[in-house]
Amino acid sequence: MAAATPDAATLTPAPQTGSFDNNGVTLNYRIAGQGEPLVCIHGVGSYLEAWDGVAERLADRFRILTFDLRGHGRSSKVRGRYEIDDFVGDVLALADHAGFGTFNLAGFSLGGLIAQRLALTHQDRLRRLVLLATVAGRTEDERERVEARLTALQSGDRGSHYDASLSRWLTEDFQAKNPELIAKLRQRNAENDPDCYAAAYRVLAQTDFGGLLDQIRVPVLIATGEHDAGSNPRMALYMHERIVGSTLHILPGLRHSILTEAPAQVAELMRAFLGANEKRPGA
């Protein structure tokens, strides 16, 4: 008797990696998993692999597009000033390339600002929106602190900036238990182009859509770490109060890098939130 042939619907396609030219900017990307389309945007100074821990837990239900932002990873090291709409254009071009007419969108930190902008300018493309450890409604004191970090970066002080960032991003306990990962993160940071990093960080430091968030009408999940100093719970609550029907989660004991320190928690939240899409016509 012949062996049973697996149902094609149960087979997860092999990840597809590639590069795409968007008006002279080469974007390195990966598409993995099966199901509803989901685009994930990483933070400043990071790379598409930052989503690996979350994506591998969602690949059975979502077709996930991750990519390196311009100036990051294996994408083009574009020189000069970056604007947030440059990043939005890259996201939309890659989504079109992947065949995602409408899609779920998740953004972390700077990626969350890009996601907010895309939701405000191309809301018809979105199904659901996930904003992780991102900013809105900075106070004057918060603006001064991030501008001071930007000034240090622009003056070439990369080392102390990153050392200070590690303590803001990850708990001491996690750092102590994962020395190899911390060494890898330091190495990846050292490989960043300093001019591109500073150009992207300027967008993070000087962008704020707090006054426009009430225009977002798609379902939104907001989450951040309890002890995230830069994208703090106050900002998360600020976004939640302005986006009608949004869902808010504050993750106990965590700081900024929830993708790195708590991918299982983040994936669980995203699965429950995005799973509400499954019965939509044409999904």
Protein backbone atom coordinates (compact mmCIF):
# COMPACT_ATOMS: atom_id res chain seq x y z
CA MET A 1 0.00 0.00 0.00
CA ALA A 2 1.40 3.34 -1.01
CA ALA A 3 2.40 5.76 1.70
CA ALA A 4 -0.04 8.58 2.32
CA THR A 5 0.80 11.83 0.61
CA PRO A 6 0.83 14.84 2.99
CA ASP A 7 -1.90 17.37 2.38
CA ALA A 8 -0.27 20.33 0.59
CA ALA A 9 -2.08 22.72 2.94
CA THR A 10 -0.17 21.26 5.90
CA LEU A 11 3.24 21.88 4.38
CA THR A 12 4.92 25.12 5.39
CA PRO A 13 6.79 26.63 2.42
CA ALA A 14 10.54 27.01 2.76
CA PRO A 15 11.63 30.55 3.64
CA GLN A 16 12.25 32.75 0.61
CA THR A 17 15.12 35.22 0.83
CA GLY A 18 16.03 37.80 -1.72
CA SER A 19 16.75 41.41 -2.55
CA PHE A 20 14.45 43.94 -4.16
CA ASP A 21 15.36 47.21 -5.84
CA ASN A 22 13.11 50.10 -4.82
CA ASN A 23 14.15 53.08 -6.93
CA GLY A 24 17.84 52.37 -6.53
CA VAL A 25 17.67 51.18 -2.91
CA THR A 26 18.34 47.46 -2.50
CA LEU A 27 16.23 45.93 0.27
CA ASN A 28 17.20 42.59 1.76
CA TYR A 29 14.12 40.56 2.76
CA ARG A 30 12.80 37.18 3.87
CA ILE A 31 9.32 35.66 3.47
CA ALA A 32 8.46 32.66 5.64
CA GLY A 33 5.42 30.74 6.83
CA GLN A 34 1.92 30.36 5.47
CA GLY A 35 -1.44 32.03 6.00
CA GLU A 36 -2.41 35.66 6.41
CA PRO A 37 0.15 38.23 5.26
CA LEU A 38 2.12 39.90 8.04
CA VAL A 39 4.83 42.53 7.57
CA CYS A 40 7.25 43.12 10.48
CA ILE A 41 9.50 46.20 10.79
CA HIS A 42 12.55 46.20 13.11
CA GLY A 43 14.05 49.04 15.13
CA VAL A 44 16.96 51.41 14.58
CA GLY A 45 20.37 49.76 14.33
CA SER A 46 18.77 46.33 14.07
CA TYR A 47 18.04 43.87 11.23
CA LEU A 48 15.37 41.44 10.03
CA GLU A 49 16.65 38.59 12.24
CA ALA A 50 15.44 40.53 15.29
CA TRP A 51 12.01 39.09 14.50
CA ASP A 52 13.19 35.45 14.29
CA GLY A 53 12.03 34.41 17.75
CA VAL A 54 8.55 35.80 17.10
CA ALA A 55 8.29 34.78 13.45
CA GLU A 56 9.18 31.13 14.04
CA ARG A 57 6.29 30.91 16.51
CA LEU A 58 3.80 32.43 14.05
CA ALA A 59 4.91 30.80 10.79
CA ASP A 60 2.18 28.17 10.95
CA ARG A 61 -0.53 30.83 10.71
CA PHE A 62 1.04 33.78 8.91
CA ARG A 63 3.02 34.50 5.75
CA ILE A 64 5.65 36.76 7.30
CA LEU A 65 7.71 39.38 5.47
CA THR A 66 10.73 40.70 7.39
CA PHE A 67 13.43 42.92 5.91
CA ASP A 68 16.44 45.10 6.67
CA LEU A 69 15.58 48.80 6.72
CA ARG A 70 17.57 50.98 4.33
CA GLY A 71 20.95 51.67 5.91
CA HIS A 72 20.76 48.45 7.94
CA GLY A 73 21.89 44.84 7.63
CA ARG A 74 22.27 43.74 4.02
CA SER A 75 20.14 46.52 2.55
CA SER A 76 21.70 49.52 0.79
CA LYS A 77 23.77 51.83 2.97
CA VAL A 78 22.00 54.96 1.77
CA ARG A 79 23.86 58.15 2.70
CA GLY A 80 22.25 61.43 3.62
CA ARG A 81 19.12 62.44 5.47
CA TYR A 82 16.34 59.88 5.97
CA GLU A 83 12.67 60.77 6.18
CA ILE A 84 9.97 58.56 7.64
CA ASP A 85 8.18 58.41 4.28
CA ASP A 86 11.32 56.85 2.75
CA PHE A 87 10.81 53.91 5.09
CA VAL A 88 7.06 53.79 4.43
CA GLY A 89 7.73 53.67 0.68
CA ASP A 90 10.12 50.75 1.19
CA VAL A 91 7.49 48.82 3.19
CA LEU A 92 4.81 49.33 0.55
CA ALA A 93 7.15 48.43 -2.31
CA LEU A 94 8.15 45.18 -0.59
CA ALA A 95 4.52 44.36 0.25
CA ASP A 96 3.63 44.81 -3.42
CA HIS A 97 6.60 42.66 -4.43
CA ALA A 98 5.39 39.93 -2.05
CA GLY A 99 1.86 40.11 -3.45
CA PHE A 100 0.37 41.49 -0.21
CA GLY A 101 -2.57 43.65 -1.31
CA THR A 102 -3.67 44.15 2.28
CA PHE A 103 -1.71 42.90 5.25
CA ASN A 104 -1.22 42.88 9.00
CA LEU A 105 1.60 45.19 10.09
CA ALA A 106 3.82 44.99 13.17
CA GLY A 107 6.45 47.55 14.08
CA PHE A 108 9.01 47.62 16.89
CA SER A 109 10.43 50.94 18.18
CA LEU A 110 11.38 52.94 15.04
CA GLY A 111 9.44 50.27 13.15
CA GLY A 112 6.40 51.22 15.21
CA LEU A 113 6.74 54.85 14.13
CA ILE A 114 6.97 53.72 10.50
CA ALA A 115 3.88 51.57 11.08
CA GLN A 116 1.99 54.53 12.58
CA ARG A 117 2.84 56.67 9.56
CA LEU A 118 1.76 53.95 7.15
CA ALA A 119 -1.52 53.56 9.05
CA LEU A 120 -2.11 57.31 8.77
CA THR A 121 -1.31 57.54 5.05
CA HIS A 122 -2.29 54.12 3.61
CA GLN A 123 -4.87 52.79 6.02
CA ASP A 124 -6.65 50.96 3.20
CA ARG A 125 -3.68 48.58 2.94
CA LEU A 126 -3.89 47.42 6.57
CA ARG A 127 -5.90 44.68 8.25
CA ARG A 128 -4.55 44.98 11.79
CA LEU A 129 -1.71 46.94 13.38
CA VAL A 130 0.72 45.92 16.14
CA LEU A 131 2.79 48.64 17.85
CA LEU A 132 5.56 47.23 20.04
CA ALA A 133 7.77 49.34 22.32
CA THR A 134 7.18 52.44 20.24
CA VAL A 135 6.72 56.13 20.98
CA ALA A 136 4.06 58.82 20.81
CA GLY A 137 3.29 61.93 22.81
CA ARG A 138 6.78 62.52 24.22
CA THR A 139 7.00 65.03 27.05
CA GLU A 140 9.47 67.91 26.86
CA ASP A 141 11.84 66.04 29.17
CA GLU A 142 11.60 62.89 27.04
CA ARG A 143 12.32 64.89 23.88
CA GLU A 144 15.40 66.45 25.51
CA ARG A 145 16.77 63.06 26.54
CA VAL A 146 16.41 61.48 23.11
CA GLU A 147 17.85 64.59 21.44
CA ALA A 148 20.88 64.34 23.74
CA ARG A 149 21.42 60.74 22.60
CA LEU A 150 21.07 61.84 18.98
CA THR A 151 23.68 64.60 19.49
CA ALA A 152 26.11 62.08 20.98
CA LEU A 153 25.60 59.78 17.99
CA GLN A 154 26.07 62.57 15.48
CA SER A 155 29.31 63.54 17.20
CA GLY A 156 30.63 60.01 16.72
CA ASP A 157 30.22 58.73 20.29
CA ARG A 158 28.92 55.28 19.34
CA GLY A 159 30.44 53.12 22.07
CA SER A 160 29.02 54.81 25.14
CA HIS A 161 25.67 55.19 23.37
CA TYR A 162 25.44 51.44 22.84
CA ASP A 163 26.65 50.56 26.34
CA ALA A 164 23.99 52.82 27.83
CA SER A 165 21.41 51.39 25.44
CA LEU A 166 22.02 47.80 26.58
CA SER A 167 20.92 48.69 30.10
CA ARG A 168 17.79 50.36 28.73
CA TRP A 169 17.00 47.46 26.39
CA LEU A 170 17.61 44.26 28.39
CA THR A 171 17.39 43.30 32.05
CA GLU A 172 20.62 42.53 33.89
CA ASP A 173 19.41 39.00 34.59
CA PHE A 174 18.87 38.31 30.88
CA GLN A 175 22.26 39.77 30.00
CA ALA A 176 23.99 37.63 32.64
CA LYS A 177 22.30 34.45 31.45
CA ASN A 178 22.95 35.07 27.73
CA PRO A 179 26.57 36.25 27.33
CA GLU A 180 26.95 34.75 23.84
CA LEU A 181 23.86 36.56 22.58
CA ILE A 182 25.03 39.84 24.14
CA ALA A 183 28.41 39.40 22.42
CA LYS A 184 26.62 38.78 19.13
CA LEU A 185 24.46 41.89 19.59
CA ARG A 186 27.58 43.96 20.29
CA GLN A 187 29.23 42.58 17.16
CA ARG A 188 26.21 43.37 15.03
CA ASN A 189 26.10 46.89 16.44
CA ALA A 190 29.80 47.37 15.62
CA GLU A 191 29.02 46.41 12.02
CA ASN A 192 26.43 49.17 11.65
CA ASP A 193 27.36 52.05 9.39
CA PRO A 194 27.64 55.01 11.80
CA ASP A 195 26.22 57.58 9.37
CA CYS A 196 23.24 55.39 8.44
CA TYR A 197 22.61 54.59 12.11
CA ALA A 198 22.62 58.28 13.03
CA ALA A 199 20.35 59.12 10.06
CA ALA A 200 17.81 56.51 11.16
CA TYR A 201 18.10 57.52 14.80
CA ARG A 202 17.27 61.13 13.85
CA VAL A 203 13.94 59.90 12.47
CA LEU A 204 13.28 58.02 15.72
CA ALA A 205 14.25 61.01 17.86
CA GLN A 206 12.37 63.70 15.95
CA THR A 207 9.17 61.93 14.86
CA ASP A 208 5.96 61.97 16.89
CA PHE A 209 2.44 61.28 15.61
CA GLY A 210 0.73 61.66 18.98
CA GLY A 211 -1.67 64.34 17.79
CA LEU A 212 -2.86 62.26 14.81
CA LEU A 213 -3.41 58.84 16.38
CA ASP A 214 -7.17 59.30 16.69
CA GLN A 215 -7.32 59.03 12.88
CA ILE A 216 -6.29 55.34 12.97
CA ARG A 217 -9.37 53.18 12.48
CA VAL A 218 -7.94 49.66 12.07
CA PRO A 219 -7.72 47.33 15.09
CA VAL A 220 -4.51 48.03 17.03
CA LEU A 221 -2.50 46.07 19.60
CA ILE A 222 -0.11 48.14 21.76
CA ALA A 223 2.51 46.51 23.98
CA THR A 224 5.67 47.58 25.78
CA GLY A 225 7.83 46.54 28.72
CA GLU A 226 6.97 47.66 32.23
CA HIS A 227 10.45 49.18 32.63
CA ASP A 228 11.00 50.45 29.10
CA ALA A 229 12.50 53.90 29.66
CA GLY A 230 12.28 55.19 26.09
CA SER A 231 8.98 53.73 24.89
CA ASN A 232 7.46 53.74 28.32
CA PRO A 233 4.06 52.57 29.63
CA ARG A 234 2.86 56.17 29.83
CA MET A 235 3.30 56.49 26.06
CA ALA A 236 1.61 53.14 25.51
CA LEU A 237 -1.38 54.32 27.55
CA TYR A 238 -1.34 57.62 25.65
CA MET A 239 -1.65 55.70 22.35
CA HIS A 240 -4.30 53.38 23.78
CA GLU A 241 -6.46 56.30 24.93
CA ARG A 242 -6.33 57.94 21.49
CA ILE A 243 -6.83 54.93 19.21
CA VAL A 244 -10.44 53.83 19.50
CA GLY A 245 -10.86 50.16 20.32
CA SER A 246 -7.14 49.49 20.74
CA THR A 247 -5.79 46.75 23.01
CA LEU A 248 -3.01 47.49 25.54
CA HIS A 249 -0.55 45.12 27.23
CA ILE A 250 2.27 46.11 29.59
CA LEU A 251 4.73 43.21 29.92
CA PRO A 252 5.87 42.85 33.56
CA GLY A 253 9.56 43.08 34.41
CA LEU A 254 10.73 43.79 30.84
CA ARG A 255 12.56 46.73 29.32
CA HIS A 256 12.73 47.80 25.67
CA SER A 257 13.91 44.76 23.71
CA ILE A 258 10.84 42.57 24.13
CA LEU A 259 11.51 40.87 20.77
CA THR A 260 14.83 39.59 22.14
CA GLU A 261 13.98 38.90 25.77
CA ALA A 262 10.37 37.71 25.47
CA PRO A 263 9.62 36.47 21.92
CA ALA A 264 7.21 33.79 23.19
CA GLN A 265 5.13 36.38 25.06
CA VAL A 266 5.08 38.73 22.09
CA ALA A 267 4.16 35.94 19.69
CA GLU A 268 1.33 34.80 21.97
CA LEU A 269 -0.11 38.31 22.11
CA MET A 270 0.18 38.72 18.34
CA ARG A 271 -1.34 35.32 17.60
CA ALA A 272 -4.39 36.03 19.75
CA PHE A 273 -4.84 39.55 18.36
CA LEU A 274 -4.18 38.85 14.69
CA GLY A 275 -6.06 35.56 14.79
CA ALA A 276 -9.31 37.52 14.88
CA ASN A 277 -8.71 38.10 11.16
CA GLU A 278 -8.91 34.48 10.17
CA LYS A 279 -12.60 34.39 9.26
CA ARG A 280 -12.59 37.62 7.27
CA PRO A 281 -13.71 37.17 3.64
CA GLY A 282 -10.73 36.89 1.34
CA ALA A 283 -8.24 36.56 4.20
